[in-house]
C-alpha atoms as a PDB file:
ATOM      1  CA  MET A   1      13.283  24.786  -2.361  1.00  0.00           C
ATOM      2  CA  LEU A   2      10.738  25.070   0.392  1.00  0.00           C
ATOM      3  CA  ILE A   3       9.554  22.981   3.067  1.00  0.00           C
ATOM      4  CA  PHE A   4       5.890  22.718   3.545  1.00  0.00           C
ATOM      5  CA  ASN A   5       2.633  21.219   4.545  1.00  0.00           C
ATOM      6  CA  GLY A   6       0.649  19.960   1.346  1.00  0.00           C
ATOM      7  CA  THR A   7      -2.703  18.821   1.476  1.00  0.00           C
ATOM      8  CA  ILE A   8      -4.046  15.526  -0.097  1.00  0.00           C
ATOM      9  CA  ALA A   9      -6.548  16.098  -2.304  1.00  0.00           C
ATOM     10  CA  SER A  10      -7.102  12.710  -3.625  1.00  0.00           C
ATOM     11  CA  SER A  11      -4.974   9.267  -3.866  1.00  0.00           C
ATOM     12  CA  GLU A  12      -5.850   7.368  -6.798  1.00  0.00           C
ATOM     13  CA  GLN A  13      -4.844   3.298  -7.433  1.00  0.00           C
ATOM     14  CA  LEU A  14      -3.877   3.131 -10.811  1.00  0.00           C
ATOM     15  CA  SER A  15      -3.282  -0.421 -11.120  1.00  0.00           C
ATOM     16  CA  GLU A  16      -2.199  -3.332  -8.283  1.00  0.00           C
ATOM     17  CA  LYS A  17       1.281  -1.947  -7.320  1.00  0.00           C
ATOM     18  CA  TYR A  18       0.626   1.732  -8.886  1.00  0.00           C
ATOM     19  CA  TYR A  19      -0.523   5.031  -7.011  1.00  0.00           C
ATOM     20  CA  LEU A  20      -1.494   8.645  -8.540  1.00  0.00           C
ATOM     21  CA  LEU A  21      -1.502  10.929  -5.413  1.00  0.00           C
ATOM     22  CA  LYS A  22      -2.983  14.250  -5.805  1.00  0.00           C
ATOM     23  CA  ILE A  23      -1.574  17.591  -3.173  1.00  0.00           C
ATOM     24  CA  HIS A  24      -2.576  20.622  -3.027  1.00  0.00           C
ATOM     25  CA  ALA A  25       0.930  22.532  -2.907  1.00  0.00           C
ATOM     26  CA  PRO A  26       0.585  26.173  -4.240  1.00  0.00           C
ATOM     27  CA  GLU A  27       3.969  27.061  -2.615  1.00  0.00           C
ATOM     28  CA  ILE A  28       5.698  25.041  -5.375  1.00  0.00           C
ATOM     29  CA  SER A  29       3.090  24.557  -8.241  1.00  0.00           C
ATOM     30  CA  ASP A  30       4.554  26.610 -10.507  1.00  0.00           C
ATOM     31  CA  LYS A  31       8.480  26.512  -9.817  1.00  0.00           C
ATOM     32  CA  ILE A  32       8.435  23.288 -10.887  1.00  0.00           C
ATOM     33  CA  LYS A  33      10.707  22.103 -14.168  1.00  0.00           C
ATOM     34  CA  PRO A  34       9.751  18.423 -15.501  1.00  0.00           C
ATOM     35  CA  GLY A  35      12.377  16.034 -13.827  1.00  0.00           C
ATOM     36  CA  GLN A  36      12.470  17.411 -11.199  1.00  0.00           C
ATOM     37  CA  PHE A  37      11.242  15.753  -7.304  1.00  0.00           C
ATOM     38  CA  CYS A  38      10.523  16.266  -3.968  1.00  0.00           C
ATOM     39  CA  ASN A  39      11.275  14.654  -0.611  1.00  0.00           C
ATOM     40  CA  ILE A  40       7.975  13.544   1.174  1.00  0.00           C
ATOM     41  CA  LYS A  41       7.913  12.833   4.997  1.00  0.00           C
ATOM     42  CA  VAL A  42       5.443  10.207   4.578  1.00  0.00           C
ATOM     43  CA  SER A  43       4.695   9.466   8.390  1.00  0.00           C
ATOM     44  CA  GLU A  44       4.499  12.233  11.655  1.00  0.00           C
ATOM     45  CA  SER A  45       6.394   9.765  13.556  1.00  0.00           C
ATOM     46  CA  SER A  46      10.470   8.729  13.316  1.00  0.00           C
ATOM     47  CA  PHE A  47       9.966   6.011  11.368  1.00  0.00           C
ATOM     48  CA  PRO A  48      10.454   5.723   9.004  1.00  0.00           C
ATOM     49  CA  LEU A  49      13.778   8.284   9.622  1.00  0.00           C
ATOM     50  CA  LEU A  50      14.307   9.176   6.330  1.00  0.00           C
ATOM     51  CA  ARG A  51      12.154  11.465   3.853  1.00  0.00           C
ATOM     52  CA  ARG A  52      11.424   9.412   0.043  1.00  0.00           C
ATOM     53  CA  PRO A  53      12.041  11.242  -3.436  1.00  0.00           C
ATOM     54  CA  PHE A  54       9.549  11.294  -5.767  1.00  0.00           C
ATOM     55  CA  SER A  55       9.629  12.515  -9.296  1.00  0.00           C
ATOM     56  CA  VAL A  56       7.273  15.127  -9.522  1.00  0.00           C
ATOM     57  CA  CYS A  57       4.725  13.678 -12.125  1.00  0.00           C
ATOM     58  CA  ASP A  58       1.970  16.323 -13.224  1.00  0.00           C
ATOM     59  CA  VAL A  59       1.121  19.908 -12.441  1.00  0.00           C
ATOM     60  CA  GLU A  60      -2.460  21.275 -12.076  1.00  0.00           C
ATOM     61  CA  GLY A  61      -2.930  24.807 -11.184  1.00  0.00           C
ATOM     62  CA  GLU A  62      -2.077  24.954  -7.550  1.00  0.00           C
ATOM     63  CA  TYR A  63      -2.368  20.787  -7.577  1.00  0.00           C
ATOM     64  CA  ILE A  64       0.915  18.792  -8.064  1.00  0.00           C
ATOM     65  CA  TYR A  65       0.571  14.729  -8.467  1.00  0.00           C
ATOM     66  CA  PHE A  66       3.094  11.789  -7.800  1.00  0.00           C
ATOM     67  CA  MET A  67       3.014   8.793  -9.101  1.00  0.00           C
ATOM     68  CA  TYR A  68       4.559   5.537  -7.434  1.00  0.00           C
ATOM     69  CA  ASP A  69       4.671   2.053  -6.904  1.00  0.00           C
ATOM     70  CA  LEU A  70       4.032   0.112  -3.700  1.00  0.00           C
ATOM     71  CA  HIS A  71       7.241  -1.723  -2.488  1.00  0.00           C
ATOM     72  CA  GLY A  72       8.331  -1.175   0.589  1.00  0.00           C
ATOM     73  CA  GLU A  73       7.358   0.903   4.287  1.00  0.00           C
ATOM     74  CA  GLY A  74       7.170   3.805   3.467  1.00  0.00           C
ATOM     75  CA  THR A  75       5.563   4.235   0.235  1.00  0.00           C
ATOM     76  CA  ARG A  76       2.838   1.753   2.119  1.00  0.00           C
ATOM     77  CA  LEU A  77       2.341   4.214   4.600  1.00  0.00           C
ATOM     78  CA  LEU A  78       1.545   6.717   2.026  1.00  0.00           C
ATOM     79  CA  SER A  79      -0.700   4.989   0.303  1.00  0.00           C
ATOM     80  CA  GLN A  80      -2.803   4.849   3.770  1.00  0.00           C
ATOM     81  CA  LYS A  81      -2.951   8.455   3.639  1.00  0.00           C
ATOM     82  CA  GLN A  82      -6.530  10.140   3.398  1.00  0.00           C
ATOM     83  CA  ILE A  83      -8.011  12.712   1.596  1.00  0.00           C
ATOM     84  CA  GLY A  84      -6.924  16.438   4.052  1.00  0.00           C
ATOM     85  CA  ASP A  85      -4.387  14.561   5.166  1.00  0.00           C
ATOM     86  CA  LYS A  86      -0.910  16.698   5.264  1.00  0.00           C
ATOM     87  CA  LEU A  87       2.246  15.893   3.952  1.00  0.00           C
ATOM     88  CA  ASP A  88       6.082  17.297   5.158  1.00  0.00           C
ATOM     89  CA  ILE A  89       7.421  18.274   1.396  1.00  0.00           C
ATOM     90  CA  LEU A  90      10.802  19.758   0.269  1.00  0.00           C
ATOM     91  CA  GLY A  91      10.745  20.483  -3.107  1.00  0.00           C
ATOM     92  CA  PRO A  92      11.502  21.383  -5.889  1.00  0.00           C
ATOM     93  CA  LEU A  93      14.817  19.379  -5.676  1.00  0.00           C
ATOM     94  CA  GLY A  94      16.987  18.624  -8.515  1.00  0.00           C
ATOM     95  CA  ASN A  95      17.556  19.711 -12.189  1.00  0.00           C
ATOM     96  CA  GLY A  96      15.201  18.462 -14.513  1.00  0.00           C
ATOM     97  CA  PHE A  97      15.123  17.874 -18.650  1.00  0.00           C
ATOM     98  CA  ASN A  98      16.222  20.590 -20.553  1.00  0.00           C
ATOM     99  CA  VAL A  99      13.181  20.783 -23.699  1.00  0.00           C
ATOM    100  CA  ASP A 100      15.241  23.729 -25.278  1.00  0.00           C
ATOM    101  CA  GLY A 101      17.219  22.553 -28.739  1.00  0.00           C
ATOM    102  CA  ASP A 102      17.600  22.131 -32.024  1.00  0.00           C
ATOM    103  CA  TYR A 103      15.030  18.822 -32.433  1.00  0.00           C
ATOM    104  CA  ASP A 104      11.318  18.656 -33.965  1.00  0.00           C
ATOM    105  CA  THR A 105      10.868  15.234 -32.393  1.00  0.00           C
ATOM    106  CA  ALA A 106      10.931  13.572 -28.853  1.00  0.00           C
ATOM    107  CA  VAL A 107      11.318  10.500 -27.761  1.00  0.00           C
ATOM    108  CA  ILE A 108      10.027   8.947 -24.244  1.00  0.00           C
ATOM    109  CA  VAL A 109      11.280   6.120 -23.252  1.00  0.00           C
ATOM    110  CA  ALA A 110       9.991   4.843 -20.142  1.00  0.00           C
ATOM    111  CA  GLY A 111      10.278   1.554 -18.204  1.00  0.00           C
ATOM    112  CA  GLY A 112       7.318   0.344 -15.324  1.00  0.00           C
ATOM    113  CA  ILE A 113       7.842   3.397 -12.728  1.00  0.00           C
ATOM    114  CA  GLY A 114      10.232   5.198 -14.600  1.00  0.00           C
ATOM    115  CA  VAL A 115       7.248   6.630 -16.410  1.00  0.00           C
ATOM    116  CA  ALA A 116       6.846   8.756 -13.677  1.00  0.00           C
ATOM    117  CA  PRO A 117       8.287  12.322 -14.449  1.00  0.00           C
ATOM    118  CA  PHE A 118       6.775  11.941 -18.534  1.00  0.00           C
ATOM    119  CA  PRO A 119       3.664  13.284 -17.785  1.00  0.00           C
ATOM    120  CA  LEU A 120       4.646  16.523 -16.982  1.00  0.00           C
ATOM    121  CA  LEU A 121       7.387  16.938 -19.512  1.00  0.00           C
ATOM    122  CA  THR A 122       4.853  15.885 -22.282  1.00  0.00           C
ATOM    123  CA  LYS A 123       2.951  18.889 -21.203  1.00  0.00           C
ATOM    124  CA  SER A 124       6.116  20.967 -21.717  1.00  0.00           C
ATOM    125  CA  LEU A 125       6.738  19.628 -25.302  1.00  0.00           C
ATOM    126  CA  ALA A 126       3.408  20.520 -26.578  1.00  0.00           C
ATOM    127  CA  GLU A 127       5.675  21.943 -29.540  1.00  0.00           C
ATOM    128  CA  LYS A 128       7.178  18.657 -30.755  1.00  0.00           C
ATOM    129  CA  GLU A 129       6.011  15.797 -32.205  1.00  0.00           C
ATOM    130  CA  ILE A 130       5.692  12.907 -29.344  1.00  0.00           C
ATOM    131  CA  LEU A 131       6.596   9.007 -29.122  1.00  0.00           C
ATOM    132  CA  THR A 132       6.473   7.765 -26.649  1.00  0.00           C
ATOM    133  CA  PHE A 133       8.243   4.419 -25.721  1.00  0.00           C
ATOM    134  CA  LEU A 134       6.804   2.396 -22.393  1.00  0.00           C
ATOM    135  CA  GLY A 135       8.197  -1.021 -21.099  1.00  0.00           C
ATOM    136  CA  GLY A 136       7.428  -3.136 -18.470  1.00  0.00           C
ATOM    137  CA  ARG A 137       7.770  -6.514 -16.824  1.00  0.00           C
ATOM    138  CA  THR A 138       4.211  -6.927 -17.761  1.00  0.00           C
ATOM    139  CA  LYS A 139       1.263  -5.507 -18.682  1.00  0.00           C
ATOM    140  CA  ASP A 140       0.317  -4.953 -15.381  1.00  0.00           C
ATOM    141  CA  PHE A 141       3.914  -2.409 -14.797  1.00  0.00           C
ATOM    142  CA  LEU A 142       2.351  -0.012 -17.650  1.00  0.00           C
ATOM    143  CA  ILE A 143       0.794   3.136 -16.981  1.00  0.00           C
ATOM    144  CA  THR A 144      -0.041   5.467 -19.570  1.00  0.00           C
ATOM    145  CA  TYR A 145      -1.754   8.224 -17.679  1.00  0.00           C
ATOM    146  CA  GLY A 146      -0.650  11.628 -18.923  1.00  0.00           C
ATOM    147  CA  LEU A 147       1.384  10.211 -21.707  1.00  0.00           C
ATOM    148  CA  GLU A 148       0.902  10.644 -26.136  1.00  0.00           C
ATOM    149  CA  ASN A 149       0.917   8.457 -29.028  1.00  0.00           C
ATOM    150  CA  ILE A 150       2.430   5.047 -27.040  1.00  0.00           C
ATOM    151  CA  TRP A 151       3.972   2.123 -28.163  1.00  0.00           C
ATOM    152  CA  MET A 152       4.259  -0.404 -25.468  1.00  0.00           C
ATOM    153  CA  ALA A 153       6.476  -3.143 -24.946  1.00  0.00           C
ATOM    154  CA  THR A 154       6.623  -6.511 -22.308  1.00  0.00           C
ATOM    155  CA  ASP A 155       9.160  -9.183 -21.334  1.00  0.00           C
ATOM    156  CA  ASP A 156       6.307 -11.476 -21.128  1.00  0.00           C
ATOM    157  CA  GLY A 157       4.400 -10.524 -24.427  1.00  0.00           C
ATOM    158  CA  SER A 158       1.128  -9.579 -22.572  1.00  0.00           C
ATOM    159  CA  GLU A 159       1.032  -6.278 -23.878  1.00  0.00           C
ATOM    160  CA  GLY A 160       2.613  -4.983 -27.046  1.00  0.00           C
ATOM    161  CA  PHE A 161       5.700  -5.895 -28.494  1.00  0.00           C
ATOM    162  CA  ASN A 162       7.423  -9.003 -27.365  1.00  0.00           C
ATOM    163  CA  GLY A 163      10.651  -7.878 -25.779  1.00  0.00           C
ATOM    164  CA  THR A 164      12.271  -5.188 -24.271  1.00  0.00           C
ATOM    165  CA  VAL A 165      11.269  -1.634 -24.831  1.00  0.00           C
ATOM    166  CA  LEU A 166      15.018  -0.353 -27.049  1.00  0.00           C
ATOM    167  CA  GLU A 167      14.557  -3.552 -28.701  1.00  0.00           C
ATOM    168  CA  MET A 168      10.891  -2.425 -29.933  1.00  0.00           C
ATOM    169  CA  ILE A 169      12.509   0.984 -30.725  1.00  0.00           C
ATOM    170  CA  GLU A 170      15.283  -1.111 -32.785  1.00  0.00           C
ATOM    171  CA  LYS A 171      12.460  -2.774 -34.340  1.00  0.00           C
ATOM    172  CA  ASN A 172      10.730   0.153 -35.369  1.00  0.00           C
ATOM    173  CA  ILE A 173      13.888   3.024 -35.938  1.00  0.00           C
ATOM    174  CA  LYS A 174      12.056   4.178 -39.200  1.00  0.00           C
ATOM    175  CA  LEU A 175       9.842   5.920 -37.309  1.00  0.00           C
ATOM    176  CA  LEU A 176      13.073   7.925 -36.079  1.00  0.00           C
ATOM    177  CA  SER A 177      14.071   8.378 -39.939  1.00  0.00           C
ATOM    178  CA  ASP A 178      14.699  11.691 -41.474  1.00  0.00           C
ATOM    179  CA  LYS A 179      13.771  13.550 -37.771  1.00  0.00           C
ATOM    180  CA  LYS A 180      15.358  15.611 -35.510  1.00  0.00           C
ATOM    181  CA  ILE A 181      15.171  13.554 -32.541  1.00  0.00           C
ATOM    182  CA  LYS A 182      15.960  14.309 -28.928  1.00  0.00           C
ATOM    183  CA  LEU A 183      15.814  11.786 -26.118  1.00  0.00           C
ATOM    184  CA  PHE A 184      14.139  11.486 -22.950  1.00  0.00           C
ATOM    185  CA  ALA A 185      14.149   8.583 -20.699  1.00  0.00           C
ATOM    186  CA  CYS A 186      13.381   7.233 -17.326  1.00  0.00           C
ATOM    187  CA  GLY A 187      13.640   3.504 -15.983  1.00  0.00           C
ATOM    188  CA  PRO A 188      16.201   0.717 -14.545  1.00  0.00           C
ATOM    189  CA  THR A 189      19.671   1.748 -14.874  1.00  0.00           C
ATOM    190  CA  PRO A 190      20.393  -1.685 -17.224  1.00  0.00           C
ATOM    191  CA  MET A 191      17.444   0.364 -19.431  1.00  0.00           C
ATOM    192  CA  LEU A 192      19.310   3.525 -19.307  1.00  0.00           C
ATOM    193  CA  LYS A 193      22.791   1.994 -20.291  1.00  0.00           C
ATOM    194  CA  ALA A 194      20.695   0.344 -23.115  1.00  0.00           C
ATOM    195  CA  VAL A 195      19.284   3.900 -24.060  1.00  0.00           C
ATOM    196  CA  GLN A 196      22.783   5.552 -23.600  1.00  0.00           C
ATOM    197  CA  GLU A 197      24.210   3.023 -25.994  1.00  0.00           C
ATOM    198  CA  PHE A 198      21.813   3.598 -28.265  1.00  0.00           C
ATOM    199  CA  SER A 199      22.218   7.622 -28.409  1.00  0.00           C
ATOM    200  CA  LYS A 200      25.490   7.731 -28.638  1.00  0.00           C
ATOM    201  CA  HIS A 201      25.310   5.091 -31.924  1.00  0.00           C
ATOM    202  CA  ASN A 202      22.920   7.134 -33.768  1.00  0.00           C
ATOM    203  CA  ASP A 203      24.371  10.198 -33.077  1.00  0.00           C
ATOM    204  CA  TYR A 204      20.999  11.474 -30.934  1.00  0.00           C
ATOM    205  CA  GLU A 205      20.740  14.295 -28.202  1.00  0.00           C
ATOM    206  CA  CYS A 206      19.464  12.512 -25.101  1.00  0.00           C
ATOM    207  CA  GLU A 207      18.705  13.390 -21.255  1.00  0.00           C
ATOM    208  CA  LEU A 208      19.064  10.380 -18.694  1.00  0.00           C
ATOM    209  CA  SER A 209      17.018  10.232 -15.539  1.00  0.00           C
ATOM    210  CA  THR A 210      18.704   8.261 -13.129  1.00  0.00           C
ATOM    211  CA  GLU A 211      17.659   7.104  -9.407  1.00  0.00           C
ATOM    212  CA  CYS A 212      19.837   6.407  -6.155  1.00  0.00           C
ATOM    213  CA  ALA A 213      19.143   5.956  -2.900  1.00  0.00           C
ATOM    214  CA  MET A 214      18.932   9.731  -1.098  1.00  0.00           C
ATOM    215  CA  ALA A 215      18.881  10.666   2.226  1.00  0.00           C
ATOM    216  CA  CYS A 216      18.691  14.423   2.222  1.00  0.00           C
ATOM    217  CA  GLY A 217      17.594  15.434  -1.407  1.00  0.00           C
ATOM    218  CA  PHE A 218      19.364  18.484  -2.220  1.00  0.00           C
ATOM    219  CA  GLY A 219      23.485  17.678  -1.704  1.00  0.00           C
ATOM    220  CA  ILE A 220      24.329  17.784   2.423  1.00  0.00           C
ATOM    221  CA  CYS A 221      24.941  14.666   2.971  1.00  0.00           C
ATOM    222  CA  GLN A 222      27.141  13.583  -0.272  1.00  0.00           C
ATOM    223  CA  GLY A 223      25.130   9.901  -0.554  1.00  0.00           C
ATOM    224  CA  CYS A 224      24.420   9.931  -3.876  1.00  0.00           C
ATOM    225  CA  PRO A 225      27.370  10.092  -6.344  1.00  0.00           C
ATOM    226  CA  VAL A 226      27.703   9.192  -9.641  1.00  0.00           C
ATOM    227  CA  GLU A 227      30.472   9.003 -11.922  1.00  0.00           C
ATOM    228  CA  THR A 228      30.657  11.549 -14.874  1.00  0.00           C
ATOM    229  CA  GLU A 229      32.980  11.749 -17.576  1.00  0.00           C
ATOM    230  CA  GLY A 230      36.658  12.815 -16.452  1.00  0.00           C
ATOM    231  CA  GLY A 231      36.829  10.765 -13.359  1.00  0.00           C
ATOM    232  CA  ILE A 232      34.364  13.628 -11.630  1.00  0.00           C
ATOM    233  CA  TYR A 233      31.598  12.665  -9.383  1.00  0.00           C
ATOM    234  CA  LYS A 234      28.453  14.513  -9.084  1.00  0.00           C
ATOM    235  CA  LEU A 235      25.577  14.352  -6.998  1.00  0.00           C
ATOM    236  CA  VAL A 236      22.685  12.287  -8.575  1.00  0.00           C
ATOM    237  CA  CYS A 237      19.804  14.733  -5.892  1.00  0.00           C
ATOM    238  CA  LYS A 238      21.711  18.401  -6.717  1.00  0.00           C
ATOM    239  CA  ASP A 239      23.699  17.746 -10.291  1.00  0.00           C
ATOM    240  CA  GLY A 240      21.114  15.365 -11.450  1.00  0.00           C
ATOM    241  CA  PRO A 241      18.668  13.350 -11.355  1.00  0.00           C
ATOM    242  CA  VAL A 242      18.638  14.169 -14.823  1.00  0.00           C
ATOM    243  CA  PHE A 243      22.112  14.374 -16.667  1.00  0.00           C
ATOM    244  CA  ASN A 244      23.444  13.744 -20.741  1.00  0.00           C
ATOM    245  CA  ALA A 245      23.346  10.928 -22.317  1.00  0.00           C
ATOM    246  CA  LYS A 246      27.711  12.032 -23.394  1.00  0.00           C
ATOM    247  CA  GLU A 247      27.926  13.040 -19.370  1.00  0.00           C
ATOM    248  CA  VAL A 248      26.901  10.283 -17.173  1.00  0.00           C
ATOM    249  CA  ILE A 249      29.175   7.018 -16.528  1.00  0.00           C
ATOM    250  CA  LEU A 250      25.869   4.293 -15.644  1.00  0.00           C
END
């Protein structure tokens, strides 16, 4: 974990609400694992006071990428940054996805901005077959950057399957037959709960990238507890954000 000043190399608007930020960060670019995150100070002033956590979306040489949606003052300020601006970054943080294991097919399940950590994971799964199931409220919430073999679902039917991403998977369950499956999921908590139950019912290995408000990002403030089996509480920032689906209680 380091604190350093990263330099903005580019800022791309992927859709009406989604942005992709490219940062020159040689200090940590070779240290990041899929599913880890960084805490970014979005302003040089004392407002906002707290850093904002962002999943590392991708790594390319000495550059790291962050994908984010525009939903508050912090991300609004971030979207106004210019090429060459410096960002105070803390990272890499948390525990990411475990790509090892006895499986031949990786099933990625993403909901909305939950797609953010998966371009880097996709690169890390180069030797596996990958099926990517992507869901969003409308087609404007679907981002396919860095993904492979994509199936899409929208709540309003404006793109792909009309329904939830899990309903789409269940309707196409034949795609998973006769395969050694491991699920990797990130998205809103109701979606994660549904994926968790689906994995348990079908006896699939599954890892969930959870979301929580995080103040410090490395376990000092104790502000992001999550319950696990046996009534033990762990911290999303330090012990997660990725947890085994059999372990965490959502």
